[in-house]
Amino acid sequence: SLDRRQTLGIVGETGAGKTTTALSILRLLPKPVGQIVSG
């Protein structure tokens, strides 16, 4: 979760899932292979 005016860092190696999480927020996952299964 993230409050207004707050900065949240997401850290990890390449392949950790950081960018996929971000693309999910914008609903920009590559179609048709990228699927939000639940949540």
PDB file of all heavy atoms in Angstrom:
ATOM      1  N   SER A   1       0.843  -1.203   0.000  1.00  0.00           N
ATOM      2  CA  SER A   1       0.000   0.000   0.000  1.00  0.00           C
ATOM      3  C   SER A   1       0.872   1.243   0.000  1.00  0.00           C
ATOM      4  O   SER A   1       2.051   1.196   0.355  1.00  0.00           O
ATOM      5  CB  SER A   1      -0.925   0.005   1.218  1.00  0.00           C
ATOM      6  OG  SER A   1      -0.173   0.072   2.414  1.00  0.00           O
ATOM      7  N   LEU A   2       0.262   2.340  -0.414  1.00  0.00           N
ATOM      8  CA  LEU A   2       0.998   3.603  -0.561  1.00  0.00           C
ATOM      9  C   LEU A   2       0.071   4.757  -0.212  1.00  0.00           C
ATOM     10  O   LEU A   2      -1.038   4.861  -0.754  1.00  0.00           O
ATOM     11  CB  LEU A   2       1.504   3.723  -2.002  1.00  0.00           C
ATOM     12  CG  LEU A   2       2.363   4.914  -2.388  1.00  0.00           C
ATOM     13  CD1 LEU A   2       3.636   4.982  -1.552  1.00  0.00           C
ATOM     14  CD2 LEU A   2       2.729   4.833  -3.872  1.00  0.00           C
ATOM     15  N   ASP A   3       0.502   5.609   0.706  1.00  0.00           N
ATOM     16  CA  ASP A   3      -0.267   6.801   1.070  1.00  0.00           C
ATOM     17  C   ASP A   3       0.054   7.944   0.114  1.00  0.00           C
ATOM     18  O   ASP A   3       1.065   7.925  -0.593  1.00  0.00           O
ATOM     19  CB  ASP A   3       0.082   7.247   2.500  1.00  0.00           C
ATOM     20  CG  ASP A   3      -0.590   6.384   3.556  1.00  0.00           C
ATOM     21  OD1 ASP A   3      -1.701   5.892   3.291  1.00  0.00           O
ATOM     22  OD2 ASP A   3      -0.005   6.202   4.643  1.00  0.00           O
ATOM     23  N   ARG A   4      -0.770   8.965   0.131  1.00  0.00           N
ATOM     24  CA  ARG A   4      -0.518  10.164  -0.667  1.00  0.00           C
ATOM     25  C   ARG A   4       0.785  10.819  -0.210  1.00  0.00           C
ATOM     26  O   ARG A   4       1.109  10.827   0.969  1.00  0.00           O
ATOM     27  CB  ARG A   4      -1.681  11.153  -0.513  1.00  0.00           C
ATOM     28  CG  ARG A   4      -2.965  10.606  -1.081  1.00  0.00           C
ATOM     29  CD  ARG A   4      -4.170  11.464  -0.767  1.00  0.00           C
ATOM     30  NE  ARG A   4      -5.373  10.672  -0.983  1.00  0.00           N
ATOM     31  CZ  ARG A   4      -5.888  10.394  -2.181  1.00  0.00           C
ATOM     32  NH1 ARG A   4      -5.305  10.872  -3.269  1.00  0.00           N
ATOM     33  NH2 ARG A   4      -6.965   9.655  -2.308  1.00  0.00           N
ATOM     34  N   ARG A   5       1.522  11.351  -1.173  1.00  0.00           N
ATOM     35  CA  ARG A   5       2.776  12.083  -0.945  1.00  0.00           C
ATOM     36  C   ARG A   5       3.879  11.210  -0.323  1.00  0.00           C
ATOM     37  O   ARG A   5       4.874  11.723   0.173  1.00  0.00           O
ATOM     38  CB  ARG A   5       2.541  13.338  -0.096  1.00  0.00           C
ATOM     39  CG  ARG A   5       1.656  14.347  -0.792  1.00  0.00           C
ATOM     40  CD  ARG A   5       1.528  15.646  -0.025  1.00  0.00           C
ATOM     41  NE  ARG A   5       0.724  15.505   1.161  1.00  0.00           N
ATOM     42  CZ  ARG A   5      -0.611  15.480   1.159  1.00  0.00           C
ATOM     43  NH1 ARG A   5      -1.279  15.593   0.034  1.00  0.00           N
ATOM     44  NH2 ARG A   5      -1.282  15.352   2.283  1.00  0.00           N
ATOM     45  N   GLN A   6       3.711   9.894  -0.373  1.00  0.00           N
ATOM     46  CA  GLN A   6       4.707   8.974   0.173  1.00  0.00           C
ATOM     47  C   GLN A   6       5.526   8.385  -0.975  1.00  0.00           C
ATOM     48  O   GLN A   6       5.042   8.297  -2.103  1.00  0.00           O
ATOM     49  CB  GLN A   6       3.957   7.837   0.883  1.00  0.00           C
ATOM     50  CG  GLN A   6       4.665   7.214   2.064  1.00  0.00           C
ATOM     51  CD  GLN A   6       3.761   6.174   2.711  1.00  0.00           C
ATOM     52  OE1 GLN A   6       3.346   5.204   2.075  1.00  0.00           O
ATOM     53  NE2 GLN A   6       3.432   6.385   3.970  1.00  0.00           N
ATOM     54  N   THR A   7       6.763   7.992  -0.688  1.00  0.00           N
ATOM     55  CA  THR A   7       7.567   7.294  -1.697  1.00  0.00           C
ATOM     56  C   THR A   7       7.876   5.883  -1.206  1.00  0.00           C
ATOM     57  O   THR A   7       8.426   5.694  -0.116  1.00  0.00           O
ATOM     58  CB  THR A   7       8.887   8.031  -1.981  1.00  0.00           C
ATOM     59  OG1 THR A   7       8.600   9.343  -2.447  1.00  0.00           O
ATOM     60  CG2 THR A   7       9.691   7.307  -3.054  1.00  0.00           C
ATOM     61  N   LEU A   8       7.494   4.898  -2.009  1.00  0.00           N
ATOM     62  CA  LEU A   8       7.734   3.498  -1.699  1.00  0.00           C
ATOM     63  C   LEU A   8       8.777   2.956  -2.661  1.00  0.00           C
ATOM     64  O   LEU A   8       8.638   3.095  -3.880  1.00  0.00           O
ATOM     65  CB  LEU A   8       6.433   2.696  -1.844  1.00  0.00           C
ATOM     66  CG  LEU A   8       6.554   1.174  -1.707  1.00  0.00           C
ATOM     67  CD1 LEU A   8       6.879   0.795  -0.260  1.00  0.00           C
ATOM     68  CD2 LEU A   8       5.264   0.479  -2.163  1.00  0.00           C
ATOM     69  N   GLY A   9       9.833   2.365  -2.123  1.00  0.00           N
ATOM     70  CA  GLY A   9      10.839   1.718  -2.959  1.00  0.00           C
ATOM     71  C   GLY A   9      10.538   0.241  -3.101  1.00  0.00           C
ATOM     72  O   GLY A   9      10.163  -0.412  -2.123  1.00  0.00           O
ATOM     73  N   ILE A  10      10.687  -0.288  -4.315  1.00  0.00           N
ATOM     74  CA  ILE A  10      10.582  -1.739  -4.536  1.00  0.00           C
ATOM     75  C   ILE A  10      11.930  -2.197  -5.081  1.00  0.00           C
ATOM     76  O   ILE A  10      12.354  -1.774  -6.150  1.00  0.00           O
ATOM     77  CB  ILE A  10       9.446  -2.096  -5.499  1.00  0.00           C
ATOM     78  CG1 ILE A  10       8.113  -1.584  -4.936  1.00  0.00           C
ATOM     79  CG2 ILE A  10       9.383  -3.593  -5.718  1.00  0.00           C
ATOM     80  CD1 ILE A  10       6.907  -1.971  -5.759  1.00  0.00           C
ATOM     81  N   VAL A  11      12.607  -3.047  -4.308  1.00  0.00           N
ATOM     82  CA  VAL A  11      13.996  -3.413  -4.593  1.00  0.00           C
ATOM     83  C   VAL A  11      14.108  -4.904  -4.876  1.00  0.00           C
ATOM     84  O   VAL A  11      13.423  -5.714  -4.251  1.00  0.00           O
ATOM     85  CB  VAL A  11      14.900  -3.092  -3.369  1.00  0.00           C
ATOM     86  CG1 VAL A  11      16.366  -3.265  -3.716  1.00  0.00           C
ATOM     87  CG2 VAL A  11      14.655  -1.694  -2.866  1.00  0.00           C
ATOM     88  N   GLY A  12      14.977  -5.247  -5.797  1.00  0.00           N
ATOM     89  CA  GLY A  12      15.247  -6.653  -6.066  1.00  0.00           C
ATOM     90  C   GLY A  12      16.019  -6.794  -7.363  1.00  0.00           C
ATOM     91  O   GLY A  12      16.160  -5.849  -8.132  1.00  0.00           O
ATOM     92  N   GLU A  13      16.520  -8.007  -7.593  1.00  0.00           N
ATOM     93  CA  GLU A  13      17.272  -8.275  -8.818  1.00  0.00           C
ATOM     94  C   GLU A  13      16.346  -8.280 -10.037  1.00  0.00           C
ATOM     95  O   GLU A  13      15.122  -8.338  -9.905  1.00  0.00           O
ATOM     96  CB  GLU A  13      17.937  -9.652  -8.716  1.00  0.00           C
ATOM     97  CG  GLU A  13      19.039  -9.760  -7.685  1.00  0.00           C
ATOM     98  CD  GLU A  13      19.432 -11.213  -7.478  1.00  0.00           C
ATOM     99  OE1 GLU A  13      18.717 -11.926  -6.757  1.00  0.00           O
ATOM    100  OE2 GLU A  13      20.452 -11.617  -8.047  1.00  0.00           O
ATOM    101  N   THR A  14      16.945  -8.282 -11.212  1.00  0.00           N
ATOM    102  CA  THR A  14      16.181  -8.458 -12.453  1.00  0.00           C
ATOM    103  C   THR A  14      15.433  -9.784 -12.386  1.00  0.00           C
ATOM    104  O   THR A  14      16.006 -10.811 -12.024  1.00  0.00           O
ATOM    105  CB  THR A  14      17.145  -8.463 -13.658  1.00  0.00           C
ATOM    106  OG1 THR A  14      17.837  -7.213 -13.687  1.00  0.00           O
ATOM    107  CG2 THR A  14      16.383  -8.651 -14.960  1.00  0.00           C
ATOM    108  N   GLY A  15      14.151  -9.736 -12.727  1.00  0.00           N
ATOM    109  CA  GLY A  15      13.341 -10.958 -12.689  1.00  0.00           C
ATOM    110  C   GLY A  15      12.591 -11.160 -11.389  1.00  0.00           C
ATOM    111  O   GLY A  15      11.891 -12.163 -11.219  1.00  0.00           O
ATOM    112  N   ALA A  16      12.678 -10.195 -10.460  1.00  0.00           N
ATOM    113  CA  ALA A  16      12.012 -10.349  -9.165  1.00  0.00           C
ATOM    114  C   ALA A  16      10.509 -10.133  -9.254  1.00  0.00           C
ATOM    115  O   ALA A  16       9.761 -10.557  -8.370  1.00  0.00           O
ATOM    116  CB  ALA A  16      12.615  -9.375  -8.143  1.00  0.00           C
ATOM    117  N   GLY A  17      10.044  -9.447 -10.304  1.00  0.00           N
ATOM    118  CA  GLY A  17       8.618  -9.170 -10.444  1.00  0.00           C
ATOM    119  C   GLY A  17       8.252  -7.712 -10.235  1.00  0.00           C
ATOM    120  O   GLY A  17       7.080  -7.342 -10.206  1.00  0.00           O
ATOM    121  N   LYS A  18       9.269  -6.851 -10.134  1.00  0.00           N
ATOM    122  CA  LYS A  18       9.032  -5.423  -9.837  1.00  0.00           C
ATOM    123  C   LYS A  18       8.270  -4.734 -10.975  1.00  0.00           C
ATOM    124  O   LYS A  18       7.255  -4.078 -10.753  1.00  0.00           O
ATOM    125  CB  LYS A  18      10.370  -4.698  -9.594  1.00  0.00           C
ATOM    126  CG  LYS A  18      11.292  -5.355  -8.591  1.00  0.00           C
ATOM    127  CD  LYS A  18      12.553  -4.563  -8.342  1.00  0.00           C
ATOM    128  CE  LYS A  18      13.438  -4.317  -9.542  1.00  0.00           C
ATOM    129  NZ  LYS A  18      14.013  -5.553 -10.113  1.00  0.00           N
ATOM    130  N   THR A  19       8.780  -4.877 -12.203  1.00  0.00           N
ATOM    131  CA  THR A  19       8.155  -4.207 -13.345  1.00  0.00           C
ATOM    132  C   THR A  19       6.781  -4.798 -13.633  1.00  0.00           C
ATOM    133  O   THR A  19       5.838  -4.065 -13.975  1.00  0.00           O
ATOM    134  CB  THR A  19       9.059  -4.308 -14.589  1.00  0.00           C
ATOM    135  OG1 THR A  19      10.298  -3.653 -14.311  1.00  0.00           O
ATOM    136  CG2 THR A  19       8.418  -3.653 -15.801  1.00  0.00           C
ATOM    137  N   THR A  20       6.620  -6.108 -13.489  1.00  0.00           N
ATOM    138  CA  THR A  20       5.306  -6.731 -13.698  1.00  0.00           C
ATOM    139  C   THR A  20       4.274  -6.162 -12.744  1.00  0.00           C
ATOM    140  O   THR A  20       3.129  -5.898 -13.125  1.00  0.00           O
ATOM    141  CB  THR A  20       5.405  -8.259 -13.525  1.00  0.00           C
ATOM    142  OG1 THR A  20       6.242  -8.795 -14.560  1.00  0.00           O
ATOM    143  CG2 THR A  20       4.039  -8.924 -13.619  1.00  0.00           C
ATOM    144  N   THR A  21       4.674  -5.931 -11.483  1.00  0.00           N
ATOM    145  CA  THR A  21       3.761  -5.322 -10.505  1.00  0.00           C
ATOM    146  C   THR A  21       3.346  -3.931 -10.974  1.00  0.00           C
ATOM    147  O   THR A  21       2.160  -3.571 -10.924  1.00  0.00           O
ATOM    148  CB  THR A  21       4.439  -5.243  -9.119  1.00  0.00           C
ATOM    149  OG1 THR A  21       4.819  -6.560  -8.700  1.00  0.00           O
ATOM    150  CG2 THR A  21       3.511  -4.634  -8.082  1.00  0.00           C
ATOM    151  N   ALA A  22       4.317  -3.144 -11.446  1.00  0.00           N
ATOM    152  CA  ALA A  22       4.028  -1.783 -11.914  1.00  0.00           C
ATOM    153  C   ALA A  22       3.111  -1.802 -13.134  1.00  0.00           C
ATOM    154  O   ALA A  22       2.141  -1.027 -13.214  1.00  0.00           O
ATOM    155  CB  ALA A  22       5.329  -1.059 -12.244  1.00  0.00           C
ATOM    156  N   LEU A  23       3.391  -2.677 -14.105  1.00  0.00           N
ATOM    157  CA  LEU A  23       2.561  -2.755 -15.314  1.00  0.00           C
ATOM    158  C   LEU A  23       1.145  -3.214 -14.988  1.00  0.00           C
ATOM    159  O   LEU A  23       0.181  -2.833 -15.665  1.00  0.00           O
ATOM    160  CB  LEU A  23       3.200  -3.699 -16.338  1.00  0.00           C
ATOM    161  CG  LEU A  23       4.516  -3.215 -16.957  1.00  0.00           C
ATOM    162  CD1 LEU A  23       5.106  -4.289 -17.871  1.00  0.00           C
ATOM    163  CD2 LEU A  23       4.322  -1.919 -17.743  1.00  0.00           C
ATOM    164  N   SER A  24       0.999  -4.018 -13.940  1.00  0.00           N
ATOM    165  CA  SER A  24      -0.336  -4.469 -13.517  1.00  0.00           C
ATOM    166  C   SER A  24      -1.162  -3.294 -13.012  1.00  0.00           C
ATOM    167  O   SER A  24      -2.379  -3.223 -13.259  1.00  0.00           O
ATOM    168  CB  SER A  24      -0.213  -5.526 -12.408  1.00  0.00           C
ATOM    169  OG  SER A  24       0.503  -6.648 -12.855  1.00  0.00           O
ATOM    170  N   ILE A  25      -0.518  -2.361 -12.304  1.00  0.00           N
ATOM    171  CA  ILE A  25      -1.232  -1.181 -11.783  1.00  0.00           C
ATOM    172  C   ILE A  25      -1.813  -0.368 -12.937  1.00  0.00           C
ATOM    173  O   ILE A  25      -2.920   0.162 -12.852  1.00  0.00           O
ATOM    174  CB  ILE A  25      -0.284  -0.315 -10.929  1.00  0.00           C
ATOM    175  CG1 ILE A  25       0.178  -1.080  -9.697  1.00  0.00           C
ATOM    176  CG2 ILE A  25      -0.955   0.996 -10.510  1.00  0.00           C
ATOM    177  CD1 ILE A  25       1.346  -0.421  -8.950  1.00  0.00           C
ATOM    178  N   LEU A  26      -1.056  -0.284 -14.037  1.00  0.00           N
ATOM    179  CA  LEU A  26      -1.503   0.482 -15.205  1.00  0.00           C
ATOM    180  C   LEU A  26      -2.302  -0.368 -16.198  1.00  0.00           C
ATOM    181  O   LEU A  26      -2.744   0.138 -17.221  1.00  0.00           O
ATOM    182  CB  LEU A  26      -0.286   1.082 -15.920  1.00  0.00           C
ATOM    183  CG  LEU A  26       0.397   2.237 -15.189  1.00  0.00           C
ATOM    184  CD1 LEU A  26       1.789   2.472 -15.743  1.00  0.00           C
ATOM    185  CD2 LEU A  26      -0.423   3.507 -15.310  1.00  0.00           C
ATOM    186  N   ARG A  27      -2.442  -1.662 -15.893  1.00  0.00           N
ATOM    187  CA  ARG A  27      -3.103  -2.606 -16.810  1.00  0.00           C
ATOM    188  C   ARG A  27      -2.442  -2.588 -18.187  1.00  0.00           C
ATOM    189  O   ARG A  27      -3.094  -2.506 -19.221  1.00  0.00           O
ATOM    190  CB  ARG A  27      -4.603  -2.299 -16.925  1.00  0.00           C
ATOM    191  CG  ARG A  27      -5.390  -2.448 -15.635  1.00  0.00           C
ATOM    192  CD  ARG A  27      -6.518  -3.465 -15.706  1.00  0.00           C
ATOM    193  NE  ARG A  27      -7.278  -3.395 -16.916  1.00  0.00           N
ATOM    194  CZ  ARG A  27      -8.525  -2.889 -17.023  1.00  0.00           C
ATOM    195  NH1 ARG A  27      -9.117  -2.390 -15.954  1.00  0.00           N
ATOM    196  NH2 ARG A  27      -9.151  -2.901 -18.166  1.00  0.00           N
ATOM    197  N   LEU A  28      -1.105  -2.658 -18.165  1.00  0.00           N
ATOM    198  CA  LEU A  28      -0.338  -2.638 -19.415  1.00  0.00           C
ATOM    199  C   LEU A  28       0.446  -3.938 -19.621  1.00  0.00           C
ATOM    200  O   LEU A  28       1.449  -3.955 -20.322  1.00  0.00           O
ATOM    201  CB  LEU A  28       0.628  -1.449 -19.416  1.00  0.00           C
ATOM    202  CG  LEU A  28       0.008  -0.068 -19.622  1.00  0.00           C
ATOM    203  CD1 LEU A  28       1.069   1.021 -19.499  1.00  0.00           C
ATOM    204  CD2 LEU A  28      -0.703   0.034 -20.971  1.00  0.00           C
ATOM    205  N   LEU A  29       0.013  -5.026 -19.011  1.00  0.00           N
ATOM    206  CA  LEU A  29       0.684  -6.312 -19.218  1.00  0.00           C
ATOM    207  C   LEU A  29       0.555  -6.722 -20.687  1.00  0.00           C
ATOM    208  O   LEU A  29      -0.470  -6.458 -21.319  1.00  0.00           O
ATOM    209  CB  LEU A  29       0.051  -7.390 -18.337  1.00  0.00           C
ATOM    210  CG  LEU A  29       0.299  -7.255 -16.831  1.00  0.00           C
ATOM    211  CD1 LEU A  29      -0.597  -8.223 -16.072  1.00  0.00           C
ATOM    212  CD2 LEU A  29       1.757  -7.505 -16.493  1.00  0.00           C
ATOM    213  N   PRO A  30       1.603  -7.336 -21.244  1.00  0.00           N
ATOM    214  CA  PRO A  30       1.523  -7.749 -22.660  1.00  0.00           C
ATOM    215  C   PRO A  30       0.399  -8.760 -22.874  1.00  0.00           C
ATOM    216  O   PRO A  30       0.278  -9.724 -22.120  1.00  0.00           O
ATOM    217  CB  PRO A  30       2.903  -8.366 -22.932  1.00  0.00           C
ATOM    218  CG  PRO A  30       3.459  -8.710 -21.584  1.00  0.00           C
ATOM    219  CD  PRO A  30       2.882  -7.713 -20.626  1.00  0.00           C
ATOM    220  N   LYS A  31      -0.423  -8.510 -23.886  1.00  0.00           N
ATOM    221  CA  LYS A  31      -1.547  -9.410 -24.176  1.00  0.00           C
ATOM    222  C   LYS A  31      -1.197 -10.302 -25.357  1.00  0.00           C
ATOM    223  O   LYS A  31      -0.490  -9.875 -26.251  1.00  0.00           O
ATOM    224  CB  LYS A  31      -2.798  -8.578 -24.489  1.00  0.00           C
ATOM    225  CG  LYS A  31      -3.288  -7.764 -23.302  1.00  0.00           C
ATOM    226  CD  LYS A  31      -4.482  -6.913 -23.696  1.00  0.00           C
ATOM    227  CE  LYS A  31      -4.959  -6.066 -22.504  1.00  0.00           C
ATOM    228  NZ  LYS A  31      -6.091  -5.199 -22.866  1.00  0.00           N
ATOM    229  N   PRO A  32      -1.671 -11.538 -25.374  1.00  0.00           N
ATOM    230  CA  PRO A  32      -2.547 -12.178 -24.387  1.00  0.00           C
ATOM    231  C   PRO A  32      -1.792 -12.950 -23.307  1.00  0.00           C
ATOM    232  O   PRO A  32      -2.406 -13.584 -22.465  1.00  0.00           O
ATOM    233  CB  PRO A  32      -3.364 -13.134 -25.250  1.00  0.00           C
ATOM    234  CG  PRO A  32      -2.384 -13.576 -26.310  1.00  0.00           C
ATOM    235  CD  PRO A  32      -1.483 -12.392 -26.562  1.00  0.00           C
ATOM    236  N   VAL A  33      -0.451 -12.933 -23.332  1.00  0.00           N
ATOM    237  CA  VAL A  33       0.293 -13.832 -22.422  1.00  0.00           C
ATOM    238  C   VAL A  33       0.223 -13.381 -20.959  1.00  0.00           C
ATOM    239  O   VAL A  33       0.170 -14.209 -20.040  1.00  0.00           O
ATOM    240  CB  VAL A  33       1.770 -13.990 -22.859  1.00  0.00           C
ATOM    241  CG1 VAL A  33       1.876 -14.745 -24.158  1.00  0.00           C
ATOM    242  CG2 VAL A  33       2.463 -12.647 -22.963  1.00  0.00           C
ATOM    243  N   GLY A  34       0.232 -12.056 -20.702  1.00  0.00           N
ATOM    244  CA  GLY A  34       0.234 -11.568 -19.330  1.00  0.00           C
ATOM    245  C   GLY A  34      -1.168 -11.564 -18.750  1.00  0.00           C
ATOM    246  O   GLY A  34      -2.078 -10.951 -19.311  1.00  0.00           O
ATOM    247  N   GLN A  35      -1.348 -12.261 -17.634  1.00  0.00           N
ATOM    248  CA  GLN A  35      -2.688 -12.400 -17.046  1.00  0.00           C
ATOM    249  C   GLN A  35      -2.650 -12.150 -15.541  1.00  0.00           C
ATOM    250  O   GLN A  35      -1.819 -12.735 -14.834  1.00  0.00           O
ATOM    251  CB  GLN A  35      -3.251 -13.796 -17.318  1.00  0.00           C
ATOM    252  CG  GLN A  35      -3.401 -14.135 -18.784  1.00  0.00           C
ATOM    253  CD  GLN A  35      -3.860 -15.565 -19.003  1.00  0.00           C
ATOM    254  OE1 GLN A  35      -4.372 -16.227 -18.099  1.00  0.00           O
ATOM    255  NE2 GLN A  35      -3.675 -16.056 -20.224  1.00  0.00           N
ATOM    256  N   ILE A  36      -3.560 -11.278 -15.070  1.00  0.00           N
ATOM    257  CA  ILE A  36      -3.744 -11.124 -13.626  1.00  0.00           C
ATOM    258  C   ILE A  36      -4.678 -12.242 -13.184  1.00  0.00           C
ATOM    259  O   ILE A  36      -5.861 -12.260 -13.541  1.00  0.00           O
ATOM    260  CB  ILE A  36      -4.314  -9.736 -13.283  1.00  0.00           C
ATOM    261  CG1 ILE A  36      -3.284  -8.655 -13.645  1.00  0.00           C
ATOM    262  CG2 ILE A  36      -4.670  -9.651 -11.799  1.00  0.00           C
ATOM    263  CD1 ILE A  36      -3.777  -7.232 -13.482  1.00  0.00           C
ATOM    264  N   VAL A  37      -4.130 -13.210 -12.454  1.00  0.00           N
ATOM    265  CA  VAL A  37      -4.872 -14.423 -12.091  1.00  0.00           C
ATOM    266  C   VAL A  37      -5.804 -14.158 -10.916  1.00  0.00           C
ATOM    267  O   VAL A  37      -6.935 -14.653 -10.872  1.00  0.00           O
ATOM    268  CB  VAL A  37      -3.882 -15.569 -11.752  1.00  0.00           C
ATOM    269  CG1 VAL A  37      -4.630 -16.818 -11.309  1.00  0.00           C
ATOM    270  CG2 VAL A  37      -3.001 -15.865 -12.947  1.00  0.00           C
ATOM    271  N   SER A  38      -5.332 -13.363  -9.941  1.00  0.00           N
ATOM    272  CA  SER A  38      -6.161 -13.069  -8.774  1.00  0.00           C
ATOM    273  C   SER A  38      -5.672 -11.797  -8.101  1.00  0.00           C
ATOM    274  O   SER A  38      -4.574 -11.307  -8.395  1.00  0.00           O
ATOM    275  CB  SER A  38      -6.134 -14.231  -7.777  1.00  0.00           C
ATOM    276  OG  SER A  38      -4.814 -14.415  -7.276  1.00  0.00           O
ATOM    277  N   GLY A  39      -6.471 -11.278  -7.192  1.00  0.00           N
ATOM    278  CA  GLY A  39      -6.078 -10.101  -6.422  1.00  0.00           C
ATOM    279  C   GLY A  39      -6.879  -8.862  -6.784  1.00  0.00           C
ATOM    280  O   GLY A  39      -7.735  -8.885  -7.688  1.00  0.00           O
TER     281      GLY A  39
END
